[in-house]
Amino acid sequence: MYIIRISFKRVNCIDTESLFSSDKFAMAGTVFSGNDSKGMIFDLIRINDGESRDLSSYVFELHSEEPSIGVVLKALDLDENKGWIENKADILKAAEGISTAVKFIPGYGLAISSIIDTAATVIPPIIDKFVEWDNDDELIDYKHVFDFVPLSLDKQTIPVTFNARYGNELSPIGFSNSNYSVEFEVECNWEASFGPSITIDEDAMSTFRAINVKATEAGFKGGYPNFYKAIYGNNTYFGSINFLESNCLFRDIPINELGNPPLNDFAQRMKAVQDYAVKNGFVGGFPTYFIADYHHGIVCGTIC
């Protein structure tokens, strides 16, 4: 299994598209492997000639069976009367829409290079659902496939700076003219895996506990993490599956009824709870990874 990470650094404006004001730099995109994809929506940036803006909060991680990744970016200068996606909930929906659209491209899962051009076409229709996308003021149209040396046990890193220039210095006054560069880094790590990859340690248990706390605070009976996360702006978002009270119930189960699995063993506790749930007439179950002792022995928080 390959863990591929793309980290954005900065955007540099050499020449704005706007003649008499700063550009409203709006960028979206996707990164995808043969079995994973992520949609990207960047915060709106106001930028002038000779300025740079930090993008270091945008980091995306993918899992892949092959050491390659496709990167597609599109950016526009929005006119003053145009909007952009500012609401965080809409950002998540739009990003997920881009990710899903890439997975439905005919040929997805085969050669990344064969769908890279098509992947670029799925972004504008998704964005159109949330904002008017002014295609006349295009600043960036970037498509590239990064291939790493296969089966390397060493981390491989590719630093990237690409330039996107429209028009030229001799363009007449009023002609659309821009010059931008974007810097990012693509990193590939190889990780030995046998079956589904999951971190079996206290970090995983802590994530389960945190998700269950947030789920109950939001009015759900409980929830579990899907172990995907994304960074938008200055915030990190963790994916979770949440359950309504009508679909499940919570039980404090004595640990001996679970077969006394080791409390520090993520997988054994997961399997013990699943076995318990099925034996007691449920479709399935999962531990919250909270425990308690009410003077009658340890009980394990469980959603069935």
C-alpha atoms as a PDB file:
ATOM      1  CA  MET A   1       0.000   0.000   0.000  1.00  0.00           C
ATOM      2  CA  TYR A   2       1.287   3.453  -0.881  1.00  0.00           C
ATOM      3  CA  ILE A   3       0.500   6.505   1.220  1.00  0.00           C
ATOM      4  CA  ILE A   4       0.638   9.566  -1.038  1.00  0.00           C
ATOM      5  CA  ARG A   5       0.535  13.008   0.490  1.00  0.00           C
ATOM      6  CA  ILE A   6       0.210  16.311  -1.355  1.00  0.00           C
ATOM      7  CA  SER A   7       1.111  19.449   0.600  1.00  0.00           C
ATOM      8  CA  PHE A   8       0.434  22.870  -0.869  1.00  0.00           C
ATOM      9  CA  LYS A   9       2.952  25.621  -0.083  1.00  0.00           C
ATOM     10  CA  ARG A  10       1.960  28.937  -1.678  1.00  0.00           C
ATOM     11  CA  VAL A  11       0.481  30.730  -4.661  1.00  0.00           C
ATOM     12  CA  ASN A  12       2.515  33.526  -6.260  1.00  0.00           C
ATOM     13  CA  CYS A  13       1.042  36.305  -8.379  1.00  0.00           C
ATOM     14  CA  ILE A  14       3.446  37.760 -10.929  1.00  0.00           C
ATOM     15  CA  ASP A  15       0.705  39.558 -12.845  1.00  0.00           C
ATOM     16  CA  THR A  16      -2.997  39.802 -11.991  1.00  0.00           C
ATOM     17  CA  GLU A  17      -5.706  39.221 -14.569  1.00  0.00           C
ATOM     18  CA  SER A  18      -7.552  42.304 -13.347  1.00  0.00           C
ATOM     19  CA  LEU A  19      -6.240  45.563 -14.760  1.00  0.00           C
ATOM     20  CA  PHE A  20      -7.183  48.003 -12.005  1.00  0.00           C
ATOM     21  CA  SER A  21      -7.696  45.927  -8.862  1.00  0.00           C
ATOM     22  CA  SER A  22      -6.547  42.778  -7.079  1.00  0.00           C
ATOM     23  CA  ASP A  23      -7.641  39.375  -8.350  1.00  0.00           C
ATOM     24  CA  LYS A  24     -10.171  37.262  -6.484  1.00  0.00           C
ATOM     25  CA  PHE A  25      -8.223  34.011  -6.799  1.00  0.00           C
ATOM     26  CA  ALA A  26     -10.612  31.037  -6.585  1.00  0.00           C
ATOM     27  CA  MET A  27      -9.142  27.528  -6.941  1.00  0.00           C
ATOM     28  CA  ALA A  28     -10.567  24.014  -6.824  1.00  0.00           C
ATOM     29  CA  GLY A  29      -9.262  20.651  -7.904  1.00  0.00           C
ATOM     30  CA  THR A  30      -8.847  16.950  -7.272  1.00  0.00           C
ATOM     31  CA  VAL A  31      -6.108  14.484  -6.440  1.00  0.00           C
ATOM     32  CA  PHE A  32      -6.722  10.822  -7.202  1.00  0.00           C
ATOM     33  CA  SER A  33      -5.113   7.420  -7.343  1.00  0.00           C
ATOM     34  CA  GLY A  34      -6.477   4.166  -8.729  1.00  0.00           C
ATOM     35  CA  ASN A  35      -8.589   3.519  -5.650  1.00  0.00           C
ATOM     36  CA  ASP A  36      -8.892   6.822  -3.782  1.00  0.00           C
ATOM     37  CA  SER A  37      -9.769  10.420  -4.626  1.00  0.00           C
ATOM     38  CA  LYS A  38     -10.109  13.753  -2.847  1.00  0.00           C
ATOM     39  CA  GLY A  39     -11.848  16.913  -3.986  1.00  0.00           C
ATOM     40  CA  MET A  40     -10.248  20.238  -3.082  1.00  0.00           C
ATOM     41  CA  ILE A  41     -11.843  23.635  -2.494  1.00  0.00           C
ATOM     42  CA  PHE A  42      -9.503  26.466  -1.523  1.00  0.00           C
ATOM     43  CA  ASP A  43     -10.489  29.585   0.383  1.00  0.00           C
ATOM     44  CA  LEU A  44     -10.982  32.685  -1.756  1.00  0.00           C
ATOM     45  CA  ILE A  45      -7.773  34.736  -1.915  1.00  0.00           C
ATOM     46  CA  ARG A  46      -7.384  38.418  -2.778  1.00  0.00           C
ATOM     47  CA  ILE A  47      -3.974  38.969  -4.324  1.00  0.00           C
ATOM     48  CA  ASN A  48      -2.033  41.687  -6.170  1.00  0.00           C
ATOM     49  CA  ASP A  49       0.982  41.812  -8.462  1.00  0.00           C
ATOM     50  CA  GLY A  50       4.138  40.565  -6.756  1.00  0.00           C
ATOM     51  CA  GLU A  51       2.313  39.031  -3.788  1.00  0.00           C
ATOM     52  CA  SER A  52       2.331  35.470  -2.415  1.00  0.00           C
ATOM     53  CA  ARG A  53      -0.246  33.720  -0.269  1.00  0.00           C
ATOM     54  CA  ASP A  54       0.409  30.819   2.082  1.00  0.00           C
ATOM     55  CA  LEU A  55      -1.377  27.528   1.293  1.00  0.00           C
ATOM     56  CA  SER A  56       0.346  25.354   3.912  1.00  0.00           C
ATOM     57  CA  SER A  57      -2.929  24.465   5.647  1.00  0.00           C
ATOM     58  CA  TYR A  58      -4.030  22.451   2.600  1.00  0.00           C
ATOM     59  CA  VAL A  59      -2.709  18.906   2.961  1.00  0.00           C
ATOM     60  CA  PHE A  60      -4.338  15.837   1.389  1.00  0.00           C
ATOM     61  CA  GLU A  61      -3.507  12.152   1.881  1.00  0.00           C
ATOM     62  CA  LEU A  62      -4.489   9.235  -0.342  1.00  0.00           C
ATOM     63  CA  HIS A  63      -4.018   5.478  -0.283  1.00  0.00           C
ATOM     64  CA  SER A  64      -3.083   3.661  -3.459  1.00  0.00           C
ATOM     65  CA  GLU A  65      -2.143   0.217  -4.682  1.00  0.00           C
ATOM     66  CA  GLU A  66       0.124   1.855  -7.270  1.00  0.00           C
ATOM     67  CA  PRO A  67       2.817   4.516  -6.736  1.00  0.00           C
ATOM     68  CA  SER A  68       1.139   7.195  -8.830  1.00  0.00           C
ATOM     69  CA  ILE A  69      -1.260  10.079  -8.367  1.00  0.00           C
ATOM     70  CA  GLY A  70      -3.148  12.467 -10.647  1.00  0.00           C
ATOM     71  CA  VAL A  71      -3.389  16.165  -9.739  1.00  0.00           C
ATOM     72  CA  VAL A  72      -5.887  18.548 -11.356  1.00  0.00           C
ATOM     73  CA  LEU A  73      -6.230  22.232 -10.431  1.00  0.00           C
ATOM     74  CA  LYS A  74      -8.431  24.954 -11.878  1.00  0.00           C
ATOM     75  CA  ALA A  75      -8.379  28.586 -10.774  1.00  0.00           C
ATOM     76  CA  LEU A  76     -10.263  31.700 -11.845  1.00  0.00           C
ATOM     77  CA  ASP A  77     -10.311  35.395 -11.160  1.00  0.00           C
ATOM     78  CA  LEU A  78     -13.890  36.063 -10.093  1.00  0.00           C
ATOM     79  CA  ASP A  79     -15.489  39.342 -11.074  1.00  0.00           C
ATOM     80  CA  GLU A  80     -16.706  41.646  -8.306  1.00  0.00           C
ATOM     81  CA  ASN A  81     -20.267  40.428  -8.689  1.00  0.00           C
ATOM     82  CA  LYS A  82     -19.310  36.776  -8.491  1.00  0.00           C
ATOM     83  CA  GLY A  83     -19.378  34.699  -5.337  1.00  0.00           C
ATOM     84  CA  TRP A  84     -17.342  31.782  -4.081  1.00  0.00           C
ATOM     85  CA  ILE A  85     -17.888  28.932  -1.670  1.00  0.00           C
ATOM     86  CA  GLU A  86     -17.469  30.404   1.814  1.00  0.00           C
ATOM     87  CA  ASN A  87     -19.717  28.136   3.880  1.00  0.00           C
ATOM     88  CA  LYS A  88     -17.740  25.218   5.369  1.00  0.00           C
ATOM     89  CA  ALA A  89     -20.631  22.789   4.959  1.00  0.00           C
ATOM     90  CA  ASP A  90     -20.855  23.651   1.254  1.00  0.00           C
ATOM     91  CA  ILE A  91     -17.074  23.294   0.926  1.00  0.00           C
ATOM     92  CA  LEU A  92     -17.286  19.743   2.248  1.00  0.00           C
ATOM     93  CA  LYS A  93     -20.222  18.901  -0.017  1.00  0.00           C
ATOM     94  CA  ALA A  94     -18.534  20.319  -3.098  1.00  0.00           C
ATOM     95  CA  ALA A  95     -15.240  18.581  -2.340  1.00  0.00           C
ATOM     96  CA  GLU A  96     -17.045  15.280  -1.830  1.00  0.00           C
ATOM     97  CA  GLY A  97     -18.950  15.847  -5.074  1.00  0.00           C
ATOM     98  CA  ILE A  98     -15.700  16.283  -6.993  1.00  0.00           C
ATOM     99  CA  SER A  99     -14.237  13.161  -5.381  1.00  0.00           C
ATOM    100  CA  THR A 100     -17.310  11.092  -6.237  1.00  0.00           C
ATOM    101  CA  ALA A 101     -17.468  12.392  -9.811  1.00  0.00           C
ATOM    102  CA  VAL A 102     -13.857  11.332 -10.441  1.00  0.00           C
ATOM    103  CA  LYS A 103     -14.643   7.782  -9.289  1.00  0.00           C
ATOM    104  CA  PHE A 104     -17.476   7.555 -11.844  1.00  0.00           C
ATOM    105  CA  ILE A 105     -15.288   8.447 -14.820  1.00  0.00           C
ATOM    106  CA  PRO A 106     -15.178   5.473 -17.249  1.00  0.00           C
ATOM    107  CA  GLY A 107     -11.816   3.790 -16.805  1.00  0.00           C
ATOM    108  CA  TYR A 108     -11.279   4.973 -13.235  1.00  0.00           C
ATOM    109  CA  GLY A 109      -9.116   2.455 -11.427  1.00  0.00           C
ATOM    110  CA  LEU A 110      -7.000   1.770 -14.499  1.00  0.00           C
ATOM    111  CA  ALA A 111      -4.253   4.046 -15.849  1.00  0.00           C
ATOM    112  CA  ILE A 112      -4.485   7.445 -14.180  1.00  0.00           C
ATOM    113  CA  SER A 113      -3.124   9.138 -17.308  1.00  0.00           C
ATOM    114  CA  SER A 114      -6.114   7.879 -19.311  1.00  0.00           C
ATOM    115  CA  ILE A 115      -8.628   9.890 -17.260  1.00  0.00           C
ATOM    116  CA  ILE A 116      -6.575  12.940 -16.264  1.00  0.00           C
ATOM    117  CA  ASP A 117      -8.171  15.140 -18.947  1.00  0.00           C
ATOM    118  CA  THR A 118     -11.678  13.958 -18.086  1.00  0.00           C
ATOM    119  CA  ALA A 119     -11.026  14.571 -14.393  1.00  0.00           C
ATOM    120  CA  ALA A 120     -10.434  18.229 -15.207  1.00  0.00           C
ATOM    121  CA  THR A 121     -13.929  18.503 -16.733  1.00  0.00           C
ATOM    122  CA  VAL A 122     -15.813  17.294 -13.631  1.00  0.00           C
ATOM    123  CA  ILE A 123     -14.764  20.246 -11.465  1.00  0.00           C
ATOM    124  CA  PRO A 124     -16.699  23.170 -13.056  1.00  0.00           C
ATOM    125  CA  PRO A 125     -20.118  21.416 -13.041  1.00  0.00           C
ATOM    126  CA  ILE A 126     -19.759  20.606  -9.336  1.00  0.00           C
ATOM    127  CA  ILE A 127     -18.691  24.148  -8.479  1.00  0.00           C
ATOM    128  CA  ASP A 128     -21.577  25.517 -10.576  1.00  0.00           C
ATOM    129  CA  LYS A 129     -23.989  24.012  -8.050  1.00  0.00           C
ATOM    130  CA  PHE A 130     -22.639  26.293  -5.353  1.00  0.00           C
ATOM    131  CA  VAL A 131     -21.382  29.397  -7.168  1.00  0.00           C
ATOM    132  CA  GLU A 132     -21.255  31.078 -10.554  1.00  0.00           C
ATOM    133  CA  TRP A 133     -17.983  30.067 -12.167  1.00  0.00           C
ATOM    134  CA  ASP A 134     -16.791  32.704 -14.641  1.00  0.00           C
ATOM    135  CA  ASN A 135     -14.873  30.685 -17.227  1.00  0.00           C
ATOM    136  CA  ASP A 136     -13.711  33.805 -19.086  1.00  0.00           C
ATOM    137  CA  ASP A 137     -11.179  34.665 -16.376  1.00  0.00           C
ATOM    138  CA  GLU A 138      -9.233  31.421 -16.153  1.00  0.00           C
ATOM    139  CA  LEU A 139      -5.947  31.673 -14.257  1.00  0.00           C
ATOM    140  CA  ILE A 140      -4.894  28.028 -13.934  1.00  0.00           C
ATOM    141  CA  ASP A 141      -5.711  24.823 -15.787  1.00  0.00           C
ATOM    142  CA  TYR A 142      -3.238  22.250 -14.477  1.00  0.00           C
ATOM    143  CA  LYS A 143      -3.230  18.476 -15.072  1.00  0.00           C
ATOM    144  CA  HIS A 144      -0.380  16.113 -14.249  1.00  0.00           C
ATOM    145  CA  VAL A 145       0.301  12.491 -13.303  1.00  0.00           C
ATOM    146  CA  PHE A 146       3.133  11.819 -10.840  1.00  0.00           C
ATOM    147  CA  ASP A 147       4.738   8.386 -11.024  1.00  0.00           C
ATOM    148  CA  PHE A 148       7.089   7.202  -8.315  1.00  0.00           C
ATOM    149  CA  VAL A 149       9.545   4.313  -8.371  1.00  0.00           C
ATOM    150  CA  PRO A 150       7.483   1.243  -7.356  1.00  0.00           C
ATOM    151  CA  LEU A 151       8.098  -0.784  -4.212  1.00  0.00           C
ATOM    152  CA  SER A 152      10.633   1.599  -2.741  1.00  0.00           C
ATOM    153  CA  LEU A 153      10.926   1.406   1.025  1.00  0.00           C
ATOM    154  CA  ASP A 154      12.250   4.948   1.145  1.00  0.00           C
ATOM    155  CA  LYS A 155      10.128   8.067   1.171  1.00  0.00           C
ATOM    156  CA  GLN A 156      10.129   9.805  -2.194  1.00  0.00           C
ATOM    157  CA  THR A 157       9.348  13.496  -2.502  1.00  0.00           C
ATOM    158  CA  ILE A 158       8.756  15.594  -5.618  1.00  0.00           C
ATOM    159  CA  PRO A 159       8.775  19.385  -5.150  1.00  0.00           C
ATOM    160  CA  VAL A 160       6.648  21.152  -7.767  1.00  0.00           C
ATOM    161  CA  THR A 161       6.412  24.738  -8.965  1.00  0.00           C
ATOM    162  CA  PHE A 162       4.248  25.220 -12.026  1.00  0.00           C
ATOM    163  CA  ASN A 163       3.597  28.444 -13.905  1.00  0.00           C
ATOM    164  CA  ALA A 164       0.345  29.388 -15.572  1.00  0.00           C
ATOM    165  CA  ARG A 165       0.534  32.372 -17.891  1.00  0.00           C
ATOM    166  CA  TYR A 166      -2.246  33.741 -20.090  1.00  0.00           C
ATOM    167  CA  GLY A 167      -1.704  36.506 -22.632  1.00  0.00           C
ATOM    168  CA  ASN A 168       1.669  38.202 -23.126  1.00  0.00           C
ATOM    169  CA  GLU A 169       3.469  41.482 -22.472  1.00  0.00           C
ATOM    170  CA  LEU A 170       2.421  42.854 -25.882  1.00  0.00           C
ATOM    171  CA  SER A 171      -1.270  42.252 -25.279  1.00  0.00           C
ATOM    172  CA  PRO A 172      -3.340  45.421 -25.903  1.00  0.00           C
ATOM    173  CA  ILE A 173      -4.956  47.277 -23.018  1.00  0.00           C
ATOM    174  CA  GLY A 174      -8.098  45.487 -21.880  1.00  0.00           C
ATOM    175  CA  PHE A 175      -6.893  42.060 -23.013  1.00  0.00           C
ATOM    176  CA  SER A 176      -7.045  39.364 -20.312  1.00  0.00           C
ATOM    177  CA  ASN A 177      -3.513  38.833 -19.070  1.00  0.00           C
ATOM    178  CA  SER A 178      -2.206  36.927 -16.020  1.00  0.00           C
ATOM    179  CA  ASN A 179       0.844  35.157 -14.669  1.00  0.00           C
ATOM    180  CA  TYR A 180       0.688  32.848 -11.627  1.00  0.00           C
ATOM    181  CA  SER A 181       2.708  30.075 -10.071  1.00  0.00           C
ATOM    182  CA  VAL A 182       1.665  27.501  -7.468  1.00  0.00           C
ATOM    183  CA  GLU A 183       4.071  25.554  -5.290  1.00  0.00           C
ATOM    184  CA  PHE A 184       3.314  22.188  -3.724  1.00  0.00           C
ATOM    185  CA  GLU A 185       5.013  18.924  -2.775  1.00  0.00           C
ATOM    186  CA  VAL A 186       4.033  15.322  -3.501  1.00  0.00           C
ATOM    187  CA  GLU A 187       5.344  12.646  -1.140  1.00  0.00           C
ATOM    188  CA  CYS A 188       5.044   8.867  -1.534  1.00  0.00           C
ATOM    189  CA  ASN A 189       5.618   6.298   1.223  1.00  0.00           C
ATOM    190  CA  TRP A 190       5.367   2.551   0.876  1.00  0.00           C
ATOM    191  CA  GLU A 191       3.670   0.748   3.748  1.00  0.00           C
ATOM    192  CA  ALA A 192       3.547  -3.038   4.071  1.00  0.00           C
ATOM    193  CA  SER A 193      -0.062  -4.116   4.514  1.00  0.00           C
ATOM    194  CA  PHE A 194      -1.949  -7.371   4.676  1.00  0.00           C
ATOM    195  CA  GLY A 195      -5.633  -6.729   4.174  1.00  0.00           C
ATOM    196  CA  PRO A 196      -7.236  -3.394   5.122  1.00  0.00           C
ATOM    197  CA  SER A 197      -4.777  -0.896   6.542  1.00  0.00           C
ATOM    198  CA  ILE A 198      -5.672   0.507   9.941  1.00  0.00           C
ATOM    199  CA  THR A 199      -3.690   1.871  12.841  1.00  0.00           C
ATOM    200  CA  ILE A 200      -4.193  -0.540  15.735  1.00  0.00           C
ATOM    201  CA  ASP A 201      -3.115   1.468  18.734  1.00  0.00           C
ATOM    202  CA  GLU A 202      -4.233   4.013  21.279  1.00  0.00           C
ATOM    203  CA  ASP A 203      -4.539   6.681  18.583  1.00  0.00           C
ATOM    204  CA  ALA A 204      -7.296   4.682  16.898  1.00  0.00           C
ATOM    205  CA  MET A 205      -9.104   4.163  20.197  1.00  0.00           C
ATOM    206  CA  SER A 206      -8.788   7.853  21.010  1.00  0.00           C
ATOM    207  CA  THR A 207     -10.314   8.696  17.644  1.00  0.00           C
ATOM    208  CA  PHE A 208     -13.292   6.411  18.367  1.00  0.00           C
ATOM    209  CA  ARG A 209     -13.784   8.049  21.750  1.00  0.00           C
ATOM    210  CA  ALA A 210     -13.617  11.553  20.299  1.00  0.00           C
ATOM    211  CA  ILE A 211     -16.067  10.729  17.497  1.00  0.00           C
ATOM    212  CA  ASN A 212     -18.562   9.250  19.963  1.00  0.00           C
ATOM    213  CA  VAL A 213     -18.397  12.345  22.152  1.00  0.00           C
ATOM    214  CA  LYS A 214     -19.019  14.611  19.151  1.00  0.00           C
ATOM    215  CA  ALA A 215     -21.796  12.345  17.849  1.00  0.00           C
ATOM    216  CA  THR A 216     -23.694  12.417  21.137  1.00  0.00           C
ATOM    217  CA  GLU A 217     -23.197  16.182  21.423  1.00  0.00           C
ATOM    218  CA  ALA A 218     -24.819  16.489  17.994  1.00  0.00           C
ATOM    219  CA  GLY A 219     -27.851  14.445  19.099  1.00  0.00           C
ATOM    220  CA  PHE A 220     -26.864  11.021  17.806  1.00  0.00           C
ATOM    221  CA  LYS A 221     -26.683   7.839  19.840  1.00  0.00           C
ATOM    222  CA  GLY A 222     -23.091   7.266  18.800  1.00  0.00           C
ATOM    223  CA  GLY A 223     -20.743   7.031  15.855  1.00  0.00           C
ATOM    224  CA  TYR A 224     -17.492   5.702  14.537  1.00  0.00           C
ATOM    225  CA  PRO A 225     -14.702   7.253  12.425  1.00  0.00           C
ATOM    226  CA  ASN A 226     -14.095   6.288   8.807  1.00  0.00           C
ATOM    227  CA  PHE A 227     -10.441   7.338   9.315  1.00  0.00           C
ATOM    228  CA  TYR A 228     -10.537   9.886   6.503  1.00  0.00           C
ATOM    229  CA  LYS A 229      -9.670  13.485   7.245  1.00  0.00           C
ATOM    230  CA  ALA A 230      -9.252  16.682   5.280  1.00  0.00           C
ATOM    231  CA  ILE A 231      -7.909  20.134   5.997  1.00  0.00           C
ATOM    232  CA  TYR A 232      -9.860  23.171   4.791  1.00  0.00           C
ATOM    233  CA  GLY A 233      -8.456  26.538   5.732  1.00  0.00           C
ATOM    234  CA  ASN A 234      -7.308  26.358   9.340  1.00  0.00           C
ATOM    235  CA  ASN A 235      -9.639  23.515  10.308  1.00  0.00           C
ATOM    236  CA  THR A 236      -9.212  19.717  10.194  1.00  0.00           C
ATOM    237  CA  TYR A 237     -12.354  17.654   9.525  1.00  0.00           C
ATOM    238  CA  PHE A 238     -12.708  13.987  10.467  1.00  0.00           C
ATOM    239  CA  GLY A 239     -15.177  11.741   8.639  1.00  0.00           C
ATOM    240  CA  SER A 240     -17.632   9.799  10.795  1.00  0.00           C
ATOM    241  CA  ILE A 241     -20.670   7.543  10.499  1.00  0.00           C
ATOM    242  CA  ASN A 242     -23.311   8.548  13.049  1.00  0.00           C
ATOM    243  CA  PHE A 243     -26.363   6.608  14.261  1.00  0.00           C
ATOM    244  CA  LEU A 244     -29.752   7.823  15.386  1.00  0.00           C
ATOM    245  CA  GLU A 245     -31.274   6.387  18.542  1.00  0.00           C
ATOM    246  CA  SER A 246     -33.935   4.625  16.474  1.00  0.00           C
ATOM    247  CA  ASN A 247     -31.274   2.590  14.659  1.00  0.00           C
ATOM    248  CA  CYS A 248     -29.190   1.342  17.562  1.00  0.00           C
ATOM    249  CA  LEU A 249     -28.764   1.187  21.294  1.00  0.00           C
ATOM    250  CA  PHE A 250     -25.937   1.746  23.757  1.00  0.00           C
ATOM    251  CA  ARG A 251     -24.863  -0.928  26.241  1.00  0.00           C
ATOM    252  CA  ASP A 252     -22.254  -1.093  28.988  1.00  0.00           C
ATOM    253  CA  ILE A 253     -21.165  -4.712  28.520  1.00  0.00           C
ATOM    254  CA  PRO A 254     -19.193  -6.509  31.238  1.00  0.00           C
ATOM    255  CA  ILE A 255     -15.796  -7.331  29.829  1.00  0.00           C
ATOM    256  CA  ASN A 256     -16.156 -11.009  30.741  1.00  0.00           C
ATOM    257  CA  GLU A 257     -19.226 -11.211  28.449  1.00  0.00           C
ATOM    258  CA  LEU A 258     -16.962 -10.049  25.636  1.00  0.00           C
ATOM    259  CA  GLY A 259     -14.458 -12.810  26.326  1.00  0.00           C
ATOM    260  CA  ASN A 260     -12.025 -10.545  28.224  1.00  0.00           C
ATOM    261  CA  PRO A 261     -10.228  -9.014  25.227  1.00  0.00           C
ATOM    262  CA  PRO A 262      -7.086  -7.002  26.129  1.00  0.00           C
ATOM    263  CA  LEU A 263      -8.135  -3.407  26.757  1.00  0.00           C
ATOM    264  CA  ASN A 264      -5.147  -2.094  24.778  1.00  0.00           C
ATOM    265  CA  ASP A 265      -5.860  -4.254  21.715  1.00  0.00           C
ATOM    266  CA  PHE A 266      -7.938  -2.290  19.214  1.00  0.00           C
ATOM    267  CA  ALA A 267      -8.710  -5.192  16.874  1.00  0.00           C
ATOM    268  CA  GLN A 268      -9.535  -7.803  19.529  1.00  0.00           C
ATOM    269  CA  ARG A 269     -12.001  -5.472  21.204  1.00  0.00           C
ATOM    270  CA  MET A 270     -13.611  -4.694  17.838  1.00  0.00           C
ATOM    271  CA  LYS A 271     -14.012  -8.392  17.022  1.00  0.00           C
ATOM    272  CA  ALA A 272     -15.283  -9.221  20.511  1.00  0.00           C
ATOM    273  CA  VAL A 273     -18.009  -6.583  20.284  1.00  0.00           C
ATOM    274  CA  GLN A 274     -19.014  -7.722  16.785  1.00  0.00           C
ATOM    275  CA  ASP A 275     -19.333 -11.325  17.990  1.00  0.00           C
ATOM    276  CA  TYR A 276     -21.364 -10.207  21.000  1.00  0.00           C
ATOM    277  CA  ALA A 277     -23.699  -8.103  18.843  1.00  0.00           C
ATOM    278  CA  VAL A 278     -24.444 -10.908  16.394  1.00  0.00           C
ATOM    279  CA  LYS A 279     -25.015 -13.441  19.173  1.00  0.00           C
ATOM    280  CA  ASN A 280     -27.532 -11.069  20.743  1.00  0.00           C
ATOM    281  CA  GLY A 281     -29.592 -10.488  17.615  1.00  0.00           C
ATOM    282  CA  PHE A 282     -28.002  -7.330  16.204  1.00  0.00           C
ATOM    283  CA  VAL A 283     -26.607  -6.824  12.734  1.00  0.00           C
ATOM    284  CA  GLY A 284     -23.332  -5.648  14.218  1.00  0.00           C
ATOM    285  CA  GLY A 285     -21.700  -3.441  16.780  1.00  0.00           C
ATOM    286  CA  PHE A 286     -18.626  -1.446  17.657  1.00  0.00           C
ATOM    287  CA  PRO A 287     -16.937  -0.316  20.874  1.00  0.00           C
ATOM    288  CA  THR A 288     -16.868   3.307  21.902  1.00  0.00           C
ATOM    289  CA  TYR A 289     -13.529   2.466  23.563  1.00  0.00           C
ATOM    290  CA  PHE A 290     -14.770   4.009  26.791  1.00  0.00           C
ATOM    291  CA  ILE A 291     -14.663   1.771  29.870  1.00  0.00           C
ATOM    292  CA  ALA A 292     -16.016   2.156  33.396  1.00  0.00           C
ATOM    293  CA  ASP A 293     -16.096   0.300  36.704  1.00  0.00           C
ATOM    294  CA  TYR A 294     -19.202   0.800  38.820  1.00  0.00           C
ATOM    295  CA  HIS A 295     -17.825  -1.429  41.619  1.00  0.00           C
ATOM    296  CA  HIS A 296     -18.994  -4.593  39.860  1.00  0.00           C
ATOM    297  CA  GLY A 297     -16.162  -5.029  37.385  1.00  0.00           C
ATOM    298  CA  ILE A 298     -15.126  -3.355  34.149  1.00  0.00           C
ATOM    299  CA  VAL A 299     -17.823  -2.605  31.576  1.00  0.00           C
ATOM    300  CA  CYS A 300     -17.152  -1.563  27.983  1.00  0.00           C
ATOM    301  CA  GLY A 301     -19.201   1.083  26.203  1.00  0.00           C
ATOM    302  CA  THR A 302     -20.758  -0.464  23.089  1.00  0.00           C
ATOM    303  CA  ILE A 303     -23.074   0.578  20.266  1.00  0.00           C
ATOM    304  CA  CYS A 304     -25.188  -2.280  18.887  1.00  0.00           C
END
